[in-house]
Amino acid sequence: MIQKKNIGEVAVILIIAGELEKEGILKKGKFKDD
């Protein structure tokens, strides 16, 4: 909505997962597997 990023792409979603991992909210590796 704000950043005009295509959330239909895996790469974009994994970048978001990485941001959440840096914030200590998510484990990116497990997220990617799941």
All heavy atoms as atom14 arrays in JSON, in Angstrom:
{
  "sequence": "MIQKKNIGEVAVILIIAGELEKEGILKKGKFKDD",
  "atom14_mask": [
    [1, 1, 1, 1, 1, 1, 1, 1, 0, 0, 0, 0, 0, 0],
    [1, 1, 1, 1, 1, 1, 1, 1, 0, 0, 0, 0, 0, 0],
    [1, 1, 1, 1, 1, 1, 1, 1, 1, 0, 0, 0, 0, 0],
    [1, 1, 1, 1, 1, 1, 1, 1, 1, 0, 0, 0, 0, 0],
    [1, 1, 1, 1, 1, 1, 1, 1, 1, 0, 0, 0, 0, 0],
    [1, 1, 1, 1, 1, 1, 1, 1, 0, 0, 0, 0, 0, 0],
    [1, 1, 1, 1, 1, 1, 1, 1, 0, 0, 0, 0, 0, 0],
    [1, 1, 1, 1, 0, 0, 0, 0, 0, 0, 0, 0, 0, 0],
    [1, 1, 1, 1, 1, 1, 1, 1, 1, 0, 0, 0, 0, 0],
    [1, 1, 1, 1, 1, 1, 1, 0, 0, 0, 0, 0, 0, 0],
    [1, 1, 1, 1, 1, 0, 0, 0, 0, 0, 0, 0, 0, 0],
    [1, 1, 1, 1, 1, 1, 1, 0, 0, 0, 0, 0, 0, 0],
    [1, 1, 1, 1, 1, 1, 1, 1, 0, 0, 0, 0, 0, 0],
    [1, 1, 1, 1, 1, 1, 1, 1, 0, 0, 0, 0, 0, 0],
    [1, 1, 1, 1, 1, 1, 1, 1, 0, 0, 0, 0, 0, 0],
    [1, 1, 1, 1, 1, 1, 1, 1, 0, 0, 0, 0, 0, 0],
    [1, 1, 1, 1, 1, 0, 0, 0, 0, 0, 0, 0, 0, 0],
    [1, 1, 1, 1, 0, 0, 0, 0, 0, 0, 0, 0, 0, 0],
    [1, 1, 1, 1, 1, 1, 1, 1, 1, 0, 0, 0, 0, 0],
    [1, 1, 1, 1, 1, 1, 1, 1, 0, 0, 0, 0, 0, 0],
    [1, 1, 1, 1, 1, 1, 1, 1, 1, 0, 0, 0, 0, 0],
    [1, 1, 1, 1, 1, 1, 1, 1, 1, 0, 0, 0, 0, 0],
    [1, 1, 1, 1, 1, 1, 1, 1, 1, 0, 0, 0, 0, 0],
    [1, 1, 1, 1, 0, 0, 0, 0, 0, 0, 0, 0, 0, 0],
    [1, 1, 1, 1, 1, 1, 1, 1, 0, 0, 0, 0, 0, 0],
    [1, 1, 1, 1, 1, 1, 1, 1, 0, 0, 0, 0, 0, 0],
    [1, 1, 1, 1, 1, 1, 1, 1, 1, 0, 0, 0, 0, 0],
    [1, 1, 1, 1, 1, 1, 1, 1, 1, 0, 0, 0, 0, 0],
    [1, 1, 1, 1, 0, 0, 0, 0, 0, 0, 0, 0, 0, 0],
    [1, 1, 1, 1, 1, 1, 1, 1, 1, 0, 0, 0, 0, 0],
    [1, 1, 1, 1, 1, 1, 1, 1, 1, 1, 1, 0, 0, 0],
    [1, 1, 1, 1, 1, 1, 1, 1, 1, 0, 0, 0, 0, 0],
    [1, 1, 1, 1, 1, 1, 1, 1, 0, 0, 0, 0, 0, 0],
    [1, 1, 1, 1, 1, 1, 1, 1, 0, 0, 0, 0, 0, 0]
  ],
  "atom14_positions": [
    [[0.81, -1.22, 0.0], [0.0, 0.0, 0.0], [0.85, 1.27, 0.0], [0.49, 2.26, -0.66], [-0.93, 0.03, 1.23], [-1.88, -1.14, 1.34], [-3.17, -1.11, 0.08], [-3.85, -2.76, 0.28], [0.0, 0.0, 0.0], [0.0, 0.0, 0.0], [0.0, 0.0, 0.0], [0.0, 0.0, 0.0], [0.0, 0.0, 0.0], [0.0, 0.0, 0.0]],
    [[1.96, 1.28, 0.72], [2.76, 2.49, 0.88], [4.04, 2.44, 0.04], [4.4, 3.43, -0.6], [3.14, 2.71, 2.36], [1.88, 2.85, 3.23], [4.01, 3.95, 2.51], [2.17, 2.96, 4.71], [0.0, 0.0, 0.0], [0.0, 0.0, 0.0], [0.0, 0.0, 0.0], [0.0, 0.0, 0.0], [0.0, 0.0, 0.0], [0.0, 0.0, 0.0]],
    [[4.69, 1.28, 0.04], [6.01, 1.18, -0.6], [5.96, 0.67, -2.04], [7.0, 0.55, -2.68], [6.91, 0.27, 0.26], [7.09, 0.76, 1.68], [7.52, -0.33, 2.64], [7.91, -1.43, 2.23], [7.47, -0.04, 3.93], [0.0, 0.0, 0.0], [0.0, 0.0, 0.0], [0.0, 0.0, 0.0], [0.0, 0.0, 0.0], [0.0, 0.0, 0.0]],
    [[4.78, 0.36, -2.53], [4.59, -0.13, -3.9], [5.44, -1.38, -4.2], [6.02, -1.52, -5.26], [4.89, 0.96, -4.92], [3.89, 2.09, -4.95], [3.91, 2.91, -6.23], [5.24, 3.52, -6.52], [5.19, 4.4, -7.72], [0.0, 0.0, 0.0], [0.0, 0.0, 0.0], [0.0, 0.0, 0.0], [0.0, 0.0, 0.0], [0.0, 0.0, 0.0]],
    [[5.49, -2.3, -3.23], [6.21, -3.55, -3.42], [5.23, -4.65, -3.78], [4.14, -4.73, -3.23], [6.98, -3.92, -2.14], [8.12, -2.95, -1.83], [8.87, -3.38, -0.59], [10.02, -2.41, -0.29], [10.73, -2.78, 0.96], [0.0, 0.0, 0.0], [0.0, 0.0, 0.0], [0.0, 0.0, 0.0], [0.0, 0.0, 0.0], [0.0, 0.0, 0.0]],
    [[5.65, -5.5, -4.69], [4.78, -6.57, -5.2], [4.79, -7.75, -4.24], [5.71, -8.58, -4.26], [5.25, -7.0, -6.59], [4.24, -7.9, -7.28], [3.51, -8.66, -6.64], [4.2, -7.84, -8.59], [0.0, 0.0, 0.0], [0.0, 0.0, 0.0], [0.0, 0.0, 0.0], [0.0, 0.0, 0.0], [0.0, 0.0, 0.0], [0.0, 0.0, 0.0]],
    [[3.77, -7.84, -3.41], [3.71, -8.91, -2.4], [3.24, -10.25, -2.99], [3.03, -11.2, -2.26], [2.83, -8.52, -1.2], [1.38, -8.22, -1.64], [3.43, -7.34, -0.46], [0.42, -8.03, -0.49], [0.0, 0.0, 0.0], [0.0, 0.0, 0.0], [0.0, 0.0, 0.0], [0.0, 0.0, 0.0], [0.0, 0.0, 0.0], [0.0, 0.0, 0.0]],
    [[3.12, -10.28, -4.32], [2.84, -11.55, -4.98], [4.12, -12.28, -5.36], [4.08, -13.36, -5.93], [0.0, 0.0, 0.0], [0.0, 0.0, 0.0], [0.0, 0.0, 0.0], [0.0, 0.0, 0.0], [0.0, 0.0, 0.0], [0.0, 0.0, 0.0], [0.0, 0.0, 0.0], [0.0, 0.0, 0.0], [0.0, 0.0, 0.0], [0.0, 0.0, 0.0]],
    [[5.28, -11.7, -5.01], [6.57, -12.28, -5.33], [7.24, -12.85, -4.09], [7.26, -12.2, -3.04], [7.48, -11.23, -5.98], [6.95, -10.7, -7.3], [7.85, -9.63, -7.9], [8.85, -9.25, -7.25], [7.56, -9.19, -9.03], [0.0, 0.0, 0.0], [0.0, 0.0, 0.0], [0.0, 0.0, 0.0], [0.0, 0.0, 0.0], [0.0, 0.0, 0.0]],
    [[7.82, -14.04, -4.23], [8.48, -14.7, -3.1], [9.61, -13.85, -2.54], [9.78, -13.74, -1.32], [9.01, -16.09, -3.52], [9.79, -16.73, -2.38], [7.88, -17.0, -3.94], [0.0, 0.0, 0.0], [0.0, 0.0, 0.0], [0.0, 0.0, 0.0], [0.0, 0.0, 0.0], [0.0, 0.0, 0.0], [0.0, 0.0, 0.0], [0.0, 0.0, 0.0]],
    [[10.39, -13.23, -3.43], [11.55, -12.46, -2.99], [11.14, -11.32, -2.06], [11.8, -11.05, -1.06], [12.3, -11.9, -4.21], [0.0, 0.0, 0.0], [0.0, 0.0, 0.0], [0.0, 0.0, 0.0], [0.0, 0.0, 0.0], [0.0, 0.0, 0.0], [0.0, 0.0, 0.0], [0.0, 0.0, 0.0], [0.0, 0.0, 0.0], [0.0, 0.0, 0.0]],
    [[10.05, -10.66, -2.38], [9.56, -9.55, -1.56], [9.13, -10.05, -0.19], [9.45, -9.45, 0.85], [8.39, -8.83, -2.26], [7.72, -7.83, -1.32], [8.87, -8.14, -3.53], [0.0, 0.0, 0.0], [0.0, 0.0, 0.0], [0.0, 0.0, 0.0], [0.0, 0.0, 0.0], [0.0, 0.0, 0.0], [0.0, 0.0, 0.0], [0.0, 0.0, 0.0]],
    [[8.44, -11.18, -0.16], [7.97, -11.74, 1.11], [9.14, -12.18, 1.98], [9.13, -11.99, 3.2], [6.99, -12.9, 0.84], [5.67, -12.31, 0.33], [6.76, -13.74, 2.09], [4.64, -13.33, -0.07], [0.0, 0.0, 0.0], [0.0, 0.0, 0.0], [0.0, 0.0, 0.0], [0.0, 0.0, 0.0], [0.0, 0.0, 0.0], [0.0, 0.0, 0.0]],
    [[10.18, -12.74, 1.37], [11.35, -13.17, 2.14], [12.13, -11.99, 2.69], [12.72, -12.07, 3.76], [12.25, -14.07, 1.29], [11.66, -15.45, 0.94], [12.65, -16.25, 0.1], [11.29, -16.22, 2.21], [0.0, 0.0, 0.0], [0.0, 0.0, 0.0], [0.0, 0.0, 0.0], [0.0, 0.0, 0.0], [0.0, 0.0, 0.0], [0.0, 0.0, 0.0]],
    [[12.13, -10.88, 1.97], [12.76, -9.66, 2.49], [12.02, -9.19, 3.74], [12.63, -8.81, 4.74], [12.78, -8.55, 1.42], [13.79, -8.88, 0.33], [13.11, -7.19, 2.04], [13.76, -7.95, -0.86], [0.0, 0.0, 0.0], [0.0, 0.0, 0.0], [0.0, 0.0, 0.0], [0.0, 0.0, 0.0], [0.0, 0.0, 0.0], [0.0, 0.0, 0.0]],
    [[10.69, -9.23, 3.69], [9.89, -8.86, 4.86], [10.17, -9.8, 6.02], [10.31, -9.37, 7.17], [8.39, -8.88, 4.5], [8.07, -7.75, 3.51], [7.53, -8.75, 5.76], [6.67, -7.78, 2.96], [0.0, 0.0, 0.0], [0.0, 0.0, 0.0], [0.0, 0.0, 0.0], [0.0, 0.0, 0.0], [0.0, 0.0, 0.0], [0.0, 0.0, 0.0]],
    [[10.29, -11.09, 5.72], [10.61, -12.07, 6.76], [11.96, -11.76, 7.39], [12.15, -11.88, 8.61], [10.6, -13.48, 6.18], [0.0, 0.0, 0.0], [0.0, 0.0, 0.0], [0.0, 0.0, 0.0], [0.0, 0.0, 0.0], [0.0, 0.0, 0.0], [0.0, 0.0, 0.0], [0.0, 0.0, 0.0], [0.0, 0.0, 0.0], [0.0, 0.0, 0.0]],
    [[12.91, -11.33, 6.56], [14.23, -10.96, 7.07], [14.17, -9.75, 7.99], [14.87, -9.7, 9.01], [0.0, 0.0, 0.0], [0.0, 0.0, 0.0], [0.0, 0.0, 0.0], [0.0, 0.0, 0.0], [0.0, 0.0, 0.0], [0.0, 0.0, 0.0], [0.0, 0.0, 0.0], [0.0, 0.0, 0.0], [0.0, 0.0, 0.0], [0.0, 0.0, 0.0]],
    [[13.33, -8.79, 7.64], [13.15, -7.61, 8.5], [12.58, -8.0, 9.85], [13.02, -7.5, 10.9], [12.23, -6.61, 7.8], [12.81, -5.98, 6.54], [11.8, -5.15, 5.78], [10.62, -5.12, 6.2], [12.18, -4.54, 4.76], [0.0, 0.0, 0.0], [0.0, 0.0, 0.0], [0.0, 0.0, 0.0], [0.0, 0.0, 0.0], [0.0, 0.0, 0.0]],
    [[11.62, -8.9, 9.83], [11.0, -9.35, 11.08], [11.99, -10.18, 11.91], [11.92, -10.15, 13.15], [9.74, -10.15, 10.79], [8.57, -9.35, 10.21], [7.4, -10.26, 9.86], [8.12, -8.27, 11.19], [0.0, 0.0, 0.0], [0.0, 0.0, 0.0], [0.0, 0.0, 0.0], [0.0, 0.0, 0.0], [0.0, 0.0, 0.0], [0.0, 0.0, 0.0]],
    [[12.89, -10.88, 11.24], [13.91, -11.63, 11.97], [14.86, -10.68, 12.69], [15.22, -10.9, 13.85], [14.69, -12.53, 11.02], [15.71, -13.41, 11.73], [16.35, -14.43, 10.8], [16.88, -14.0, 9.75], [16.29, -15.64, 11.12], [0.0, 0.0, 0.0], [0.0, 0.0, 0.0], [0.0, 0.0, 0.0], [0.0, 0.0, 0.0], [0.0, 0.0, 0.0]],
    [[15.23, -9.59, 12.02], [16.12, -8.6, 12.64], [15.46, -7.96, 13.85], [16.14, -7.54, 14.79], [16.48, -7.52, 11.62], [17.44, -7.99, 10.54], [17.75, -6.89, 9.54], [18.66, -7.37, 8.44], [18.92, -6.31, 7.42], [0.0, 0.0, 0.0], [0.0, 0.0, 0.0], [0.0, 0.0, 0.0], [0.0, 0.0, 0.0], [0.0, 0.0, 0.0]],
    [[14.13, -7.88, 13.81], [13.39, -7.3, 14.93], [13.13, -8.32, 16.03], [12.5, -8.01, 17.05], [12.06, -6.73, 14.43], [12.23, -5.55, 13.48], [10.93, -5.14, 12.8], [9.85, -5.6, 13.25], [10.99, -4.38, 11.82], [0.0, 0.0, 0.0], [0.0, 0.0, 0.0], [0.0, 0.0, 0.0], [0.0, 0.0, 0.0], [0.0, 0.0, 0.0]],
    [[13.6, -9.56, 15.83], [13.43, -10.6, 16.84], [12.04, -11.17, 16.91], [11.66, -11.79, 17.91], [0.0, 0.0, 0.0], [0.0, 0.0, 0.0], [0.0, 0.0, 0.0], [0.0, 0.0, 0.0], [0.0, 0.0, 0.0], [0.0, 0.0, 0.0], [0.0, 0.0, 0.0], [0.0, 0.0, 0.0], [0.0, 0.0, 0.0], [0.0, 0.0, 0.0]],
    [[11.27, -11.01, 15.83], [9.87, -11.45, 15.83], [9.69, -12.79, 15.14], [8.8, -13.57, 15.51], [8.99, -10.38, 15.13], [8.98, -9.09, 15.95], [7.56, -10.88, 14.93], [8.29, -7.93, 15.28], [0.0, 0.0, 0.0], [0.0, 0.0, 0.0], [0.0, 0.0, 0.0], [0.0, 0.0, 0.0], [0.0, 0.0, 0.0], [0.0, 0.0, 0.0]],
    [[10.56, -13.08, 14.17], [10.35, -14.24, 13.3], [11.68, -14.94, 13.01], [12.72, -14.27, 12.93], [9.73, -13.74, 11.98], [9.27, -14.75, 10.95], [7.9, -15.29, 11.33], [9.18, -14.1, 9.57], [0.0, 0.0, 0.0], [0.0, 0.0, 0.0], [0.0, 0.0, 0.0], [0.0, 0.0, 0.0], [0.0, 0.0, 0.0], [0.0, 0.0, 0.0]],
    [[11.64, -16.24, 12.85], [12.8, -16.99, 12.37], [12.62, -17.22, 10.87], [11.75, -17.98, 10.45], [12.93, -18.31, 13.12], [13.27, -18.15, 14.6], [13.41, -19.5, 15.29], [13.76, -19.31, 16.75], [13.86, -20.62, 17.48], [0.0, 0.0, 0.0], [0.0, 0.0, 0.0], [0.0, 0.0, 0.0], [0.0, 0.0, 0.0], [0.0, 0.0, 0.0]],
    [[13.45, -16.54, 10.08], [13.27, -16.55, 8.64], [13.42, -17.96, 8.04], [12.67, -18.34, 7.15], [14.27, -15.6, 7.98], [14.1, -15.51, 6.47], [15.11, -14.54, 5.85], [15.0, -14.51, 4.34], [15.99, -13.58, 3.73], [0.0, 0.0, 0.0], [0.0, 0.0, 0.0], [0.0, 0.0, 0.0], [0.0, 0.0, 0.0], [0.0, 0.0, 0.0]],
    [[14.38, -18.73, 8.54], [14.61, -20.07, 8.0], [13.4, -20.96, 8.17], [12.97, -21.64, 7.22], [0.0, 0.0, 0.0], [0.0, 0.0, 0.0], [0.0, 0.0, 0.0], [0.0, 0.0, 0.0], [0.0, 0.0, 0.0], [0.0, 0.0, 0.0], [0.0, 0.0, 0.0], [0.0, 0.0, 0.0], [0.0, 0.0, 0.0], [0.0, 0.0, 0.0]],
    [[12.83, -20.97, 9.35], [11.62, -21.76, 9.6], [10.47, -21.25, 8.75], [9.7, -22.03, 8.18], [11.25, -21.72, 11.08], [9.91, -22.39, 11.39], [9.64, -22.47, 12.87], [8.2, -22.86, 13.15], [7.75, -24.04, 12.4], [0.0, 0.0, 0.0], [0.0, 0.0, 0.0], [0.0, 0.0, 0.0], [0.0, 0.0, 0.0], [0.0, 0.0, 0.0]],
    [[10.35, -19.92, 8.68], [9.27, -19.32, 7.88], [9.37, -19.78, 6.42], [8.35, -20.16, 5.82], [9.37, -17.8, 7.96], [8.45, -17.08, 7.01], [7.12, -16.85, 7.35], [8.91, -16.64, 5.78], [6.26, -16.2, 6.47], [8.07, -15.98, 4.89], [6.74, -15.76, 5.24], [0.0, 0.0, 0.0], [0.0, 0.0, 0.0], [0.0, 0.0, 0.0]],
    [[10.56, -19.75, 5.87], [10.76, -20.14, 4.47], [10.39, -21.61, 4.26], [9.77, -21.97, 3.26], [12.21, -19.88, 4.06], [12.48, -20.11, 2.59], [13.92, -19.75, 2.24], [14.2, -19.99, 0.77], [15.62, -19.64, 0.42], [0.0, 0.0, 0.0], [0.0, 0.0, 0.0], [0.0, 0.0, 0.0], [0.0, 0.0, 0.0], [0.0, 0.0, 0.0]],
    [[10.78, -22.46, 5.21], [10.44, -23.89, 5.12], [8.94, -24.11, 5.2], [8.38, -24.97, 4.51], [11.15, -24.67, 6.23], [12.66, -24.74, 6.04], [13.11, -24.52, 4.89], [13.37, -24.99, 7.02], [0.0, 0.0, 0.0], [0.0, 0.0, 0.0], [0.0, 0.0, 0.0], [0.0, 0.0, 0.0], [0.0, 0.0, 0.0], [0.0, 0.0, 0.0]],
    [[8.29, -23.34, 6.07], [6.85, -23.52, 6.28], [6.0, -22.97, 5.14], [4.89, -23.45, 4.9], [6.42, -22.84, 7.58], [6.91, -23.56, 8.83], [7.19, -24.78, 8.72], [7.01, -22.92, 9.88], [0.0, 0.0, 0.0], [0.0, 0.0, 0.0], [0.0, 0.0, 0.0], [0.0, 0.0, 0.0], [0.0, 0.0, 0.0], [0.0, 0.0, 0.0]]
  ]
}
